[in-house]
Protein backbone atom coordinates (compact mmCIF):
# COMPACT_ATOMS: atom_id res chain seq x y z
CA UNK A 1 -0.12 -0.01 0.03
CA UNK A 2 1.35 3.43 -0.97
CA UNK A 3 0.79 5.36 1.79
CA UNK A 4 0.45 8.39 0.36
CA UNK A 5 -2.05 7.75 -2.01
CA UNK A 6 -3.55 5.86 1.23
CA UNK A 7 -3.30 9.55 3.01
CA UNK A 8 -4.73 11.81 0.18
CA UNK A 9 -7.43 9.15 -1.03
CA UNK A 10 -8.47 9.23 2.47
CA UNK A 11 -8.32 13.13 2.92
CA UNK A 12 -10.74 13.48 -0.17
CA UNK A 13 -13.81 10.84 0.86
CA UNK A 14 -12.93 12.69 4.46
CA UNK A 15 -13.99 16.47 2.45
CA UNK A 16 -16.73 14.94 0.89
CA UNK A 17 -18.63 12.96 3.25
CA UNK A 18 -18.10 15.86 6.13
CA UNK A 19 -19.91 17.68 3.01
CA UNK A 20 -22.50 15.46 2.20
CA UNK A 21 -22.95 14.80 5.49
CA UNK A 22 -23.52 18.08 6.16
CA UNK A 23 -25.68 19.39 3.36
CA UNK A 24 -28.24 15.75 3.82
CA UNK A 25 -28.72 16.30 7.13
CA UNK A 26 -27.84 20.08 8.38
CA UNK A 27 -29.42 20.51 5.67
CA UNK A 28 -31.71 18.17 4.17
CA UNK A 29 -33.14 16.94 6.81
CA UNK A 30 -33.78 19.49 9.07
CA UNK A 31 -37.12 20.03 9.35
CA UNK A 32 -37.77 16.56 9.78
CA UNK A 33 -35.19 16.33 12.94
CA UNK A 34 -36.95 18.99 14.36
CA UNK A 35 -40.60 17.17 13.63
CA UNK A 36 -38.63 15.18 16.20
CA UNK A 37 -37.46 16.96 18.10
CA UNK A 38 -40.45 19.02 18.95
CA UNK A 39 -42.75 15.51 19.48
CA UNK A 40 -39.45 14.33 22.24
CA UNK A 41 -37.75 17.33 23.31
CA UNK A 42 -33.56 16.21 24.14
CA UNK A 43 -33.88 13.53 22.28
CA UNK A 44 -30.83 14.56 20.21
CA UNK A 45 -27.54 15.65 21.14
CA UNK A 46 -25.34 17.39 18.26
CA UNK A 47 -21.75 17.35 19.14
CA UNK A 48 -20.25 18.64 15.48
CA UNK A 49 -16.59 18.00 16.13
CA UNK A 50 -18.02 14.42 16.88
CA UNK A 51 -19.27 14.20 14.22
CA UNK A 52 -16.66 15.16 12.52
CA UNK A 53 -13.79 12.55 14.28
CA UNK A 54 -16.26 9.71 13.28
CA UNK A 55 -16.04 10.95 9.37
CA UNK A 56 -12.66 10.95 9.69
CA UNK A 57 -12.42 7.01 11.07
CA UNK A 58 -14.83 6.06 8.63
CA UNK A 59 -12.92 7.76 5.20
CA UNK A 60 -9.51 6.40 6.96
CA UNK A 61 -12.04 2.61 7.05
CA UNK A 62 -13.29 2.83 3.53
CA UNK A 63 -10.28 4.08 1.93
CA UNK A 64 -8.31 1.31 3.83
CA UNK A 65 -11.71 -1.14 2.46
CA UNK A 66 -11.25 -0.24 -1.45
CA UNK A 67 -7.25 -0.80 -1.40
CA UNK A 68 -8.20 -4.46 0.24
CA UNK A 69 -10.37 -5.70 -1.58
CA UNK A 70 -11.79 -3.52 -4.28
CA UNK A 71 -9.72 -5.36 -6.65
CA UNK A 72 -11.59 -8.05 -5.28
CA UNK A 73 -15.12 -5.91 -7.24
CA UNK A 74 -13.87 -5.73 -9.93
CA UNK A 75 -11.26 -2.84 -9.59
CA UNK A 76 -10.69 0.90 -10.24
CA UNK A 77 -14.15 3.73 -9.64
CA UNK A 78 -16.34 0.60 -10.22
CA UNK A 79 -14.95 -1.36 -7.81
CA UNK A 80 -14.22 0.86 -5.27
CA UNK A 81 -18.34 2.20 -5.33
CA UNK A 82 -19.43 -1.68 -4.98
CA UNK A 83 -17.12 -2.18 -1.65
CA UNK A 84 -18.09 0.77 -0.58
CA UNK A 85 -22.08 0.10 -1.38
CA UNK A 86 -21.90 -2.47 0.62
CA UNK A 87 -20.58 -1.33 3.90
CA UNK A 88 -23.09 1.20 3.33
CA UNK A 89 -26.00 -1.23 3.10
CA UNK A 90 -24.12 -3.33 6.29
CA UNK A 91 -24.02 -0.79 8.54
CA UNK A 92 -25.56 2.33 7.93
CA UNK A 93 -28.04 0.63 6.25
CA UNK A 94 -29.18 -2.60 8.60
CA UNK A 95 -28.58 -0.10 11.43
CA UNK A 96 -31.70 2.44 10.63
CA UNK A 97 -33.91 -1.27 10.52
CA UNK A 98 -32.87 -1.90 13.74
CA UNK A 99 -33.45 2.33 14.33
CA UNK A 100 -37.06 1.81 12.58
CA UNK A 101 -38.32 -1.15 15.18
CA UNK A 102 -36.99 0.17 17.89
CA UNK A 103 -38.00 4.08 18.19
CA UNK A 104 -41.90 5.39 17.28
CA UNK A 105 -40.56 8.70 16.06
CA UNK A 106 -38.29 7.36 12.97
CA UNK A 107 -40.52 7.04 9.71
CA UNK A 108 -40.91 4.99 7.54
CA UNK A 109 -40.17 7.41 4.80
CA UNK A 110 -36.80 9.00 6.56
CA UNK A 111 -35.48 5.51 6.64
CA UNK A 112 -35.89 5.95 3.06
CA UNK A 113 -34.41 8.67 2.17
CA UNK A 114 -31.56 8.31 4.56
CA UNK A 115 -30.31 4.22 3.17
CA UNK A 116 -31.22 5.36 -0.42
CA UNK A 117 -28.59 8.26 0.68
CA UNK A 118 -26.46 6.52 2.42
CA UNK A 119 -25.38 3.95 -0.83
CA UNK A 120 -25.26 6.75 -2.67
CA UNK A 121 -22.84 9.12 -0.89
CA UNK A 122 -21.29 6.09 -0.15
CA UNK A 123 -21.05 4.81 -4.01
CA UNK A 124 -18.83 8.53 -4.33
CA UNK A 125 -16.96 7.76 -1.77
CA UNK A 126 -16.11 4.56 -2.90
CA UNK A 127 -15.13 6.40 -6.09
CA UNK A 128 -13.17 8.66 -4.81
CA UNK A 129 -10.98 7.09 -3.37
CA UNK A 130 -10.34 4.64 -5.94
CA UNK A 131 -10.24 7.51 -8.42
CA UNK A 132 -7.93 9.38 -6.47
CA UNK A 133 -5.76 5.94 -5.06
CA UNK A 134 -5.64 4.98 -8.90
CA UNK A 135 -3.88 1.54 -7.40
CA UNK A 136 -7.81 -0.70 -7.18
């Protein structure tokens, strides 16, 4: 593994991930979160520095997985996107199902919207990682 390309790809994935998450959760879904908070005061915490640290850790993990196994899924941007979509399904989408069946304020439409977002954004992140690393 080339350390320089790995760091470059991870940083790019982190930036893409942070921007997409801020746009989706901070702006597009803001109204939905306000409705949930109004109905269930105190249910959410907003710790932006923690979100960014988690985004950085996930960017490192996604990039590492793509570098290690992207070639098994066709290599290049396609392989990177495929690995990242599988990560999305096995991570946030499955977690969303558990969350939906665990709380009363998580609607079907919110689950579906968030799941589509997670799959699409992970595909983008995987493609970015593979395109920048270029040896997948």
